[in-house]
């Protein structure tokens, strides 16, 4: 771990830290989003998790996506423009992928829905995902992939 820190310091990579009181901020964020309807323009799963990253750390590793698309078509174009096929591929490159069974509160998680992946936030034994009309909670057992923000 010390070696990783020294390498990051040598190359100027800033270590992201959680903000103070992040757990209460997570609860507040979930409550704020609880009854919001899905909208590609303003409330989609990508923006849901990127906003959480911003709250959790005060910054984002995905500035080219944060509040930068308003439709699925725009998202796909932006992913392609940046050299990625999906959210999964960009998360694998920029975050630390973990075993889904080891996901903890605040971690980024995905589950399979129809023929695509939905992104959400781990809350412990359950995870929060955006539904059509409100947040849906799902058992951590149904998680396909998970990542740590650090």
N, C-alpha and C. Protein backbone atom coordinates (compact mmCIF):
# COMPACT_ATOMS: atom_id res chain seq x y z
N UNK A 1 0.82 -1.18 0.00
CA UNK A 1 0.00 0.00 0.00
C UNK A 1 0.87 1.25 0.00
N UNK A 2 1.95 1.23 0.76
CA UNK A 2 2.86 2.36 0.82
C UNK A 2 3.48 2.60 -0.55
N UNK A 3 3.81 1.52 -1.27
CA UNK A 3 4.39 1.64 -2.60
C UNK A 3 3.42 2.34 -3.56
N UNK A 4 2.15 1.96 -3.50
CA UNK A 4 1.14 2.59 -4.35
C UNK A 4 1.06 4.08 -4.03
N UNK A 5 1.07 4.43 -2.75
CA UNK A 5 1.00 5.83 -2.34
C UNK A 5 2.21 6.60 -2.89
N UNK A 6 3.41 6.01 -2.79
CA UNK A 6 4.62 6.68 -3.29
C UNK A 6 4.57 6.87 -4.80
N UNK A 7 4.08 5.88 -5.52
CA UNK A 7 3.96 5.99 -6.98
C UNK A 7 2.97 7.10 -7.33
N UNK A 8 1.84 7.13 -6.66
CA UNK A 8 0.85 8.18 -6.92
C UNK A 8 1.43 9.56 -6.62
N UNK A 9 2.16 9.67 -5.52
CA UNK A 9 2.77 10.94 -5.14
C UNK A 9 3.82 11.36 -6.18
N UNK A 10 4.63 10.41 -6.62
CA UNK A 10 5.67 10.68 -7.61
C UNK A 10 5.07 11.21 -8.91
N UNK A 11 3.96 10.62 -9.33
CA UNK A 11 3.34 11.02 -10.60
C UNK A 11 2.25 12.07 -10.43
N UNK A 12 2.11 12.61 -9.24
CA UNK A 12 1.16 13.69 -9.01
C UNK A 12 -0.29 13.28 -8.97
N UNK A 13 -0.57 12.00 -8.71
CA UNK A 13 -1.95 11.55 -8.62
C UNK A 13 -2.46 11.88 -7.22
N UNK A 14 -3.53 12.64 -7.16
CA UNK A 14 -4.09 13.01 -5.87
C UNK A 14 -4.93 11.86 -5.33
N UNK A 15 -4.69 11.51 -4.08
CA UNK A 15 -5.48 10.46 -3.44
C UNK A 15 -6.81 11.06 -3.02
N UNK A 16 -7.88 10.44 -3.45
CA UNK A 16 -9.20 10.94 -3.11
C UNK A 16 -9.56 10.48 -1.70
N UNK A 17 -10.08 11.39 -0.94
CA UNK A 17 -10.49 11.08 0.42
C UNK A 17 -11.98 11.33 0.55
N UNK A 18 -12.59 10.62 1.45
CA UNK A 18 -13.99 10.87 1.75
C UNK A 18 -14.10 12.16 2.54
N UNK A 19 -15.16 12.90 2.31
CA UNK A 19 -15.41 14.11 3.08
C UNK A 19 -15.86 13.74 4.49
N UNK A 20 -15.79 14.68 5.40
CA UNK A 20 -16.27 14.46 6.76
C UNK A 20 -17.76 14.17 6.73
N UNK A 21 -18.19 13.30 7.60
CA UNK A 21 -19.61 12.96 7.76
C UNK A 21 -20.22 12.38 6.48
N UNK A 22 -19.42 11.63 5.73
CA UNK A 22 -19.90 11.11 4.45
C UNK A 22 -21.08 10.17 4.62
N UNK A 23 -21.13 9.42 5.71
CA UNK A 23 -22.24 8.47 5.89
C UNK A 23 -23.58 9.20 6.05
N UNK A 24 -23.58 10.31 6.80
CA UNK A 24 -24.83 11.06 6.91
C UNK A 24 -25.16 11.74 5.58
N UNK A 25 -24.15 12.14 4.83
CA UNK A 25 -24.38 12.73 3.50
C UNK A 25 -24.97 11.68 2.55
N UNK A 26 -24.56 10.42 2.69
CA UNK A 26 -25.14 9.36 1.88
C UNK A 26 -26.62 9.20 2.19
N UNK A 27 -26.96 9.16 3.46
CA UNK A 27 -28.37 9.05 3.86
C UNK A 27 -29.18 10.22 3.34
N UNK A 28 -28.63 11.43 3.44
CA UNK A 28 -29.32 12.62 2.94
C UNK A 28 -29.52 12.55 1.43
N UNK A 29 -28.49 12.08 0.73
CA UNK A 29 -28.57 11.99 -0.73
C UNK A 29 -29.63 10.99 -1.17
N UNK A 30 -29.66 9.84 -0.51
CA UNK A 30 -30.67 8.82 -0.86
C UNK A 30 -32.07 9.37 -0.59
N UNK A 31 -32.25 10.06 0.53
CA UNK A 31 -33.56 10.65 0.84
C UNK A 31 -33.95 11.71 -0.20
N UNK A 32 -32.99 12.52 -0.60
CA UNK A 32 -33.23 13.57 -1.61
C UNK A 32 -33.69 12.96 -2.94
N UNK A 33 -33.11 11.82 -3.29
CA UNK A 33 -33.40 11.18 -4.58
C UNK A 33 -34.55 10.17 -4.51
N UNK A 34 -34.99 9.83 -3.33
CA UNK A 34 -35.93 8.72 -3.10
C UNK A 34 -37.13 8.73 -4.04
N UNK A 35 -37.76 9.86 -4.25
CA UNK A 35 -38.98 9.91 -5.05
C UNK A 35 -38.83 10.67 -6.37
N UNK A 36 -37.61 10.84 -6.82
CA UNK A 36 -37.39 11.51 -8.11
C UNK A 36 -37.62 10.51 -9.24
N UNK A 37 -38.27 10.98 -10.29
CA UNK A 37 -38.51 10.14 -11.46
C UNK A 37 -37.28 10.10 -12.36
N UNK A 38 -37.11 8.98 -13.02
CA UNK A 38 -36.01 8.82 -13.97
C UNK A 38 -36.19 9.80 -15.13
N UNK A 39 -35.08 10.40 -15.54
CA UNK A 39 -35.07 11.29 -16.70
C UNK A 39 -33.66 11.27 -17.28
N UNK A 40 -33.54 10.97 -18.57
CA UNK A 40 -32.21 11.00 -19.18
C UNK A 40 -31.60 12.38 -19.06
N UNK A 41 -32.42 13.41 -19.11
CA UNK A 41 -31.92 14.77 -19.08
C UNK A 41 -31.35 15.19 -17.72
N UNK A 42 -31.91 14.64 -16.64
CA UNK A 42 -31.48 15.15 -15.33
C UNK A 42 -31.34 14.12 -14.22
N UNK A 43 -31.93 12.94 -14.36
CA UNK A 43 -31.91 11.97 -13.27
C UNK A 43 -31.80 10.56 -13.82
N UNK A 44 -30.60 10.20 -14.25
CA UNK A 44 -30.35 8.86 -14.78
C UNK A 44 -29.31 8.19 -13.90
N UNK A 45 -29.11 6.89 -14.09
CA UNK A 45 -28.22 6.16 -13.17
C UNK A 45 -26.78 6.66 -13.22
N UNK A 46 -26.31 7.10 -14.38
CA UNK A 46 -24.96 7.64 -14.47
C UNK A 46 -24.80 8.89 -13.63
N UNK A 47 -25.73 9.81 -13.79
CA UNK A 47 -25.66 11.06 -13.02
C UNK A 47 -25.88 10.80 -11.53
N UNK A 48 -26.70 9.81 -11.22
CA UNK A 48 -26.97 9.42 -9.82
C UNK A 48 -25.67 9.03 -9.12
N UNK A 49 -24.87 8.16 -9.73
CA UNK A 49 -23.64 7.72 -9.07
C UNK A 49 -22.53 8.75 -9.17
N UNK A 50 -22.47 9.51 -10.26
CA UNK A 50 -21.43 10.54 -10.37
C UNK A 50 -21.68 11.69 -9.39
N UNK A 51 -22.94 12.00 -9.17
CA UNK A 51 -23.27 13.02 -8.16
C UNK A 51 -22.86 12.53 -6.78
N UNK A 52 -23.09 11.22 -6.53
CA UNK A 52 -22.66 10.66 -5.24
C UNK A 52 -21.14 10.76 -5.10
N UNK A 53 -20.39 10.44 -6.15
CA UNK A 53 -18.93 10.57 -6.08
C UNK A 53 -18.54 12.00 -5.72
N UNK A 54 -19.20 12.97 -6.33
CA UNK A 54 -18.91 14.38 -6.07
C UNK A 54 -19.20 14.74 -4.60
N UNK A 55 -20.31 14.24 -4.08
CA UNK A 55 -20.66 14.48 -2.67
C UNK A 55 -19.64 13.80 -1.76
N UNK A 56 -19.28 12.56 -2.09
CA UNK A 56 -18.39 11.75 -1.27
C UNK A 56 -16.97 12.29 -1.22
N UNK A 57 -16.46 12.77 -2.36
CA UNK A 57 -15.05 13.17 -2.44
C UNK A 57 -14.82 14.64 -2.75
N UNK A 58 -15.86 15.34 -3.18
CA UNK A 58 -15.70 16.75 -3.55
C UNK A 58 -15.22 16.94 -4.97
N UNK A 59 -15.06 15.85 -5.72
CA UNK A 59 -14.60 15.92 -7.11
C UNK A 59 -15.08 14.70 -7.88
N UNK A 60 -14.76 14.64 -9.16
CA UNK A 60 -15.13 13.47 -9.96
C UNK A 60 -13.98 13.05 -10.85
N UNK A 61 -13.88 11.76 -11.07
CA UNK A 61 -12.91 11.22 -12.03
C UNK A 61 -13.51 11.13 -13.42
N UNK A 62 -14.72 11.62 -13.57
CA UNK A 62 -15.44 11.51 -14.83
C UNK A 62 -15.97 12.87 -15.29
N UNK A 63 -15.09 13.89 -15.35
CA UNK A 63 -15.57 15.24 -15.68
C UNK A 63 -16.20 15.34 -17.07
N UNK A 64 -15.78 14.48 -17.99
CA UNK A 64 -16.33 14.53 -19.35
C UNK A 64 -17.74 13.97 -19.41
N UNK A 65 -18.21 13.35 -18.32
CA UNK A 65 -19.56 12.79 -18.27
C UNK A 65 -20.45 13.49 -17.25
N UNK A 66 -19.85 14.09 -16.24
CA UNK A 66 -20.61 14.70 -15.16
C UNK A 66 -21.48 15.85 -15.69
N UNK A 67 -22.79 15.60 -15.71
CA UNK A 67 -23.79 16.57 -16.19
C UNK A 67 -23.52 17.02 -17.63
N UNK A 68 -23.03 16.09 -18.47
CA UNK A 68 -22.66 16.45 -19.84
C UNK A 68 -23.51 15.77 -20.91
N UNK A 69 -24.49 14.98 -20.54
CA UNK A 69 -25.34 14.34 -21.55
C UNK A 69 -26.79 14.37 -21.09
N UNK A 70 -27.68 14.42 -22.06
CA UNK A 70 -29.11 14.55 -21.75
C UNK A 70 -29.96 13.45 -22.39
N UNK A 71 -29.31 12.46 -23.02
CA UNK A 71 -30.04 11.36 -23.63
C UNK A 71 -29.13 10.14 -23.71
N UNK A 72 -29.73 8.98 -23.92
CA UNK A 72 -28.95 7.76 -24.10
C UNK A 72 -28.05 7.89 -25.33
N UNK A 73 -28.56 8.48 -26.38
CA UNK A 73 -27.78 8.68 -27.60
C UNK A 73 -26.54 9.54 -27.31
N UNK A 74 -26.71 10.64 -26.58
CA UNK A 74 -25.57 11.49 -26.23
C UNK A 74 -24.56 10.75 -25.37
N UNK A 75 -25.05 9.94 -24.43
CA UNK A 75 -24.16 9.16 -23.58
C UNK A 75 -23.33 8.20 -24.42
N UNK A 76 -23.98 7.47 -25.32
CA UNK A 76 -23.26 6.51 -26.17
C UNK A 76 -22.23 7.22 -27.03
N UNK A 77 -22.58 8.38 -27.57
CA UNK A 77 -21.63 9.15 -28.39
C UNK A 77 -20.44 9.60 -27.55
N UNK A 78 -20.70 10.06 -26.32
CA UNK A 78 -19.63 10.53 -25.43
C UNK A 78 -18.71 9.37 -25.04
N UNK A 79 -19.29 8.21 -24.73
CA UNK A 79 -18.48 7.03 -24.40
C UNK A 79 -17.56 6.67 -25.57
N UNK A 80 -18.14 6.62 -26.76
CA UNK A 80 -17.37 6.27 -27.96
C UNK A 80 -16.26 7.30 -28.22
N UNK A 81 -16.61 8.57 -28.08
CA UNK A 81 -15.64 9.66 -28.28
C UNK A 81 -14.45 9.53 -27.33
N UNK A 82 -14.72 9.03 -26.13
CA UNK A 82 -13.67 8.88 -25.12
C UNK A 82 -12.98 7.52 -25.19
N UNK A 83 -13.40 6.67 -26.13
CA UNK A 83 -12.75 5.38 -26.31
C UNK A 83 -13.28 4.25 -25.46
N UNK A 84 -14.50 4.37 -24.98
CA UNK A 84 -15.09 3.33 -24.13
C UNK A 84 -16.35 2.78 -24.77
N UNK A 85 -16.62 1.50 -24.48
CA UNK A 85 -17.82 0.86 -25.00
C UNK A 85 -19.00 1.01 -24.04
N UNK A 86 -18.69 1.15 -22.75
CA UNK A 86 -19.75 1.18 -21.74
C UNK A 86 -19.23 1.83 -20.46
N UNK A 87 -20.18 2.05 -19.54
CA UNK A 87 -19.80 2.53 -18.22
C UNK A 87 -18.87 1.51 -17.54
N UNK A 88 -19.15 0.23 -17.75
CA UNK A 88 -18.34 -0.82 -17.12
C UNK A 88 -16.87 -0.64 -17.50
N UNK A 89 -16.59 -0.42 -18.78
CA UNK A 89 -15.20 -0.30 -19.22
C UNK A 89 -14.52 0.94 -18.65
N UNK A 90 -15.24 2.03 -18.53
CA UNK A 90 -14.62 3.24 -17.96
C UNK A 90 -14.40 3.09 -16.46
N UNK A 91 -15.35 2.45 -15.77
CA UNK A 91 -15.17 2.22 -14.33
C UNK A 91 -13.99 1.28 -14.09
N UNK A 92 -13.86 0.24 -14.92
CA UNK A 92 -12.73 -0.68 -14.77
C UNK A 92 -11.40 0.03 -14.94
N UNK A 93 -11.36 1.04 -15.79
CA UNK A 93 -10.10 1.76 -16.00
C UNK A 93 -9.80 2.78 -14.90
N UNK A 94 -10.81 3.43 -14.38
CA UNK A 94 -10.57 4.55 -13.47
C UNK A 94 -10.82 4.26 -11.99
N UNK A 95 -11.45 3.15 -11.68
CA UNK A 95 -11.74 2.81 -10.29
C UNK A 95 -11.17 1.45 -9.93
N UNK A 96 -11.20 1.12 -8.66
CA UNK A 96 -10.73 -0.17 -8.18
C UNK A 96 -11.90 -1.14 -8.13
N UNK A 97 -11.86 -2.13 -9.02
CA UNK A 97 -12.94 -3.12 -9.04
C UNK A 97 -12.75 -4.10 -7.90
N UNK A 98 -13.85 -4.45 -7.25
CA UNK A 98 -13.81 -5.35 -6.10
C UNK A 98 -14.83 -6.47 -6.29
N UNK A 99 -14.69 -7.51 -5.52
CA UNK A 99 -15.67 -8.58 -5.50
C UNK A 99 -16.99 -8.00 -5.00
N UNK A 100 -18.09 -8.19 -5.72
CA UNK A 100 -19.37 -7.61 -5.27
C UNK A 100 -19.77 -7.99 -3.86
N UNK A 101 -19.34 -9.15 -3.40
CA UNK A 101 -19.67 -9.59 -2.04
C UNK A 101 -18.94 -8.76 -0.99
N UNK A 102 -17.91 -8.02 -1.41
CA UNK A 102 -17.14 -7.18 -0.49
C UNK A 102 -17.55 -5.71 -0.55
N UNK A 103 -18.56 -5.39 -1.34
CA UNK A 103 -19.01 -4.00 -1.45
C UNK A 103 -19.48 -3.48 -0.09
N UNK A 104 -19.14 -2.22 0.17
CA UNK A 104 -19.50 -1.57 1.43
C UNK A 104 -20.28 -0.31 1.15
N UNK A 105 -20.83 0.28 2.22
CA UNK A 105 -21.60 1.51 2.08
C UNK A 105 -20.83 2.55 1.27
N UNK A 106 -21.52 3.11 0.28
CA UNK A 106 -20.93 4.16 -0.54
C UNK A 106 -20.27 3.67 -1.81
N UNK A 107 -19.98 2.38 -1.91
CA UNK A 107 -19.33 1.85 -3.12
C UNK A 107 -20.28 1.90 -4.32
N UNK A 108 -19.70 1.95 -5.49
CA UNK A 108 -20.44 1.91 -6.75
C UNK A 108 -20.74 0.46 -7.09
N UNK A 109 -21.98 0.18 -7.48
CA UNK A 109 -22.38 -1.18 -7.83
C UNK A 109 -23.20 -1.17 -9.12
N UNK A 110 -23.25 -2.33 -9.79
CA UNK A 110 -24.11 -2.47 -10.96
C UNK A 110 -24.88 -3.78 -10.86
N UNK A 111 -26.02 -3.78 -11.51
CA UNK A 111 -26.82 -4.99 -11.64
C UNK A 111 -27.33 -5.05 -13.07
N UNK A 112 -27.69 -6.21 -13.49
CA UNK A 112 -28.21 -6.42 -14.85
C UNK A 112 -29.71 -6.16 -14.85
N UNK A 113 -30.17 -5.39 -15.81
CA UNK A 113 -31.60 -5.12 -15.96
C UNK A 113 -31.94 -5.16 -17.44
N UNK A 114 -32.83 -6.08 -17.81
CA UNK A 114 -33.16 -6.29 -19.22
C UNK A 114 -31.87 -6.58 -19.99
N UNK A 115 -31.51 -5.75 -20.94
CA UNK A 115 -30.29 -6.02 -21.72
C UNK A 115 -29.21 -4.97 -21.47
N UNK A 116 -29.21 -4.37 -20.28
CA UNK A 116 -28.17 -3.39 -19.96
C UNK A 116 -27.85 -3.45 -18.47
N UNK A 117 -26.89 -2.64 -18.07
CA UNK A 117 -26.51 -2.56 -16.67
C UNK A 117 -27.05 -1.28 -16.06
N UNK A 118 -27.47 -1.37 -14.81
CA UNK A 118 -27.89 -0.20 -14.04
C UNK A 118 -26.85 0.03 -12.95
N UNK A 119 -26.54 1.29 -12.71
CA UNK A 119 -25.56 1.64 -11.69
C UNK A 119 -26.27 2.14 -10.45
N UNK A 120 -25.70 1.81 -9.31
CA UNK A 120 -26.28 2.23 -8.06
C UNK A 120 -25.23 2.39 -6.97
N UNK A 121 -25.71 2.55 -5.76
CA UNK A 121 -24.85 2.81 -4.61
C UNK A 121 -25.12 1.75 -3.55
N UNK A 122 -24.05 1.16 -3.05
CA UNK A 122 -24.19 0.17 -1.98
C UNK A 122 -24.55 0.88 -0.67
N UNK A 123 -25.53 0.31 0.04
CA UNK A 123 -25.96 0.87 1.32
C UNK A 123 -25.70 -0.11 2.46
N UNK A 124 -25.02 -1.20 2.17
CA UNK A 124 -24.81 -2.26 3.16
C UNK A 124 -25.36 -3.55 2.59
N UNK A 125 -26.40 -4.09 3.20
CA UNK A 125 -26.99 -5.33 2.67
C UNK A 125 -27.89 -5.07 1.47
N UNK A 126 -28.27 -3.81 1.27
CA UNK A 126 -29.05 -3.41 0.11
C UNK A 126 -28.32 -2.35 -0.68
N UNK A 127 -28.76 -2.18 -1.92
CA UNK A 127 -28.18 -1.18 -2.80
C UNK A 127 -29.30 -0.33 -3.38
N UNK A 128 -29.02 0.93 -3.64
CA UNK A 128 -30.01 1.85 -4.19
C UNK A 128 -29.78 2.04 -5.69
N UNK A 129 -30.87 1.89 -6.45
CA UNK A 129 -30.85 2.09 -7.91
C UNK A 129 -32.01 2.98 -8.28
N UNK A 130 -31.84 3.76 -9.33
CA UNK A 130 -32.95 4.58 -9.81
C UNK A 130 -33.97 3.70 -10.52
N UNK A 131 -35.21 3.87 -10.18
CA UNK A 131 -36.30 3.21 -10.89
C UNK A 131 -37.00 4.24 -11.76
N UNK A 132 -38.07 3.84 -12.41
CA UNK A 132 -38.81 4.79 -13.26
C UNK A 132 -39.41 5.93 -12.45
N UNK A 133 -39.93 5.61 -11.26
CA UNK A 133 -40.63 6.62 -10.46
C UNK A 133 -39.96 6.96 -9.14
N UNK A 134 -39.08 6.10 -8.69
CA UNK A 134 -38.42 6.33 -7.40
C UNK A 134 -37.24 5.37 -7.27
N UNK A 135 -36.48 5.54 -6.21
CA UNK A 135 -35.35 4.64 -5.95
C UNK A 135 -35.88 3.26 -5.63
N UNK A 136 -35.20 2.27 -6.20
CA UNK A 136 -35.50 0.86 -5.92
C UNK A 136 -34.34 0.31 -5.08
N UNK A 137 -34.67 -0.51 -4.10
CA UNK A 137 -33.65 -1.11 -3.26
C UNK A 137 -33.56 -2.59 -3.61
N UNK A 138 -32.33 -3.06 -3.72
CA UNK A 138 -32.09 -4.43 -4.15
C UNK A 138 -31.03 -5.06 -3.24
N UNK A 139 -31.16 -6.33 -2.98
CA UNK A 139 -30.20 -7.06 -2.15
C UNK A 139 -28.82 -7.04 -2.80
N UNK A 140 -27.82 -6.94 -1.99
CA UNK A 140 -26.44 -6.95 -2.48
C UNK A 140 -26.13 -8.27 -3.20
N UNK A 141 -26.90 -9.31 -2.93
CA UNK A 141 -26.71 -10.60 -3.58
C UNK A 141 -26.97 -10.54 -5.09
N UNK A 142 -27.68 -9.52 -5.55
CA UNK A 142 -28.01 -9.40 -6.97
C UNK A 142 -27.04 -8.50 -7.73
N UNK A 143 -25.98 -8.08 -7.06
CA UNK A 143 -25.00 -7.19 -7.68
C UNK A 143 -24.08 -7.99 -8.60
N UNK A 144 -23.83 -7.43 -9.79
CA UNK A 144 -22.96 -8.09 -10.76
C UNK A 144 -21.51 -7.62 -10.63
N UNK A 145 -21.30 -6.30 -10.52
CA UNK A 145 -19.96 -5.72 -10.39
C UNK A 145 -19.98 -4.65 -9.31
N UNK A 146 -18.80 -4.39 -8.74
CA UNK A 146 -18.68 -3.34 -7.72
C UNK A 146 -17.29 -2.71 -7.81
N UNK A 147 -17.23 -1.43 -7.43
CA UNK A 147 -15.97 -0.67 -7.44
C UNK A 147 -15.90 0.21 -6.20
N UNK A 148 -14.67 0.46 -5.76
CA UNK A 148 -14.40 1.44 -4.70
C UNK A 148 -14.02 2.74 -5.39
N UNK A 149 -14.40 3.83 -4.77
CA UNK A 149 -14.07 5.15 -5.33
C UNK A 149 -12.60 5.51 -5.07
N UNK A 150 -11.91 4.73 -4.22
CA UNK A 150 -10.53 5.07 -3.84
C UNK A 150 -9.55 4.04 -4.30
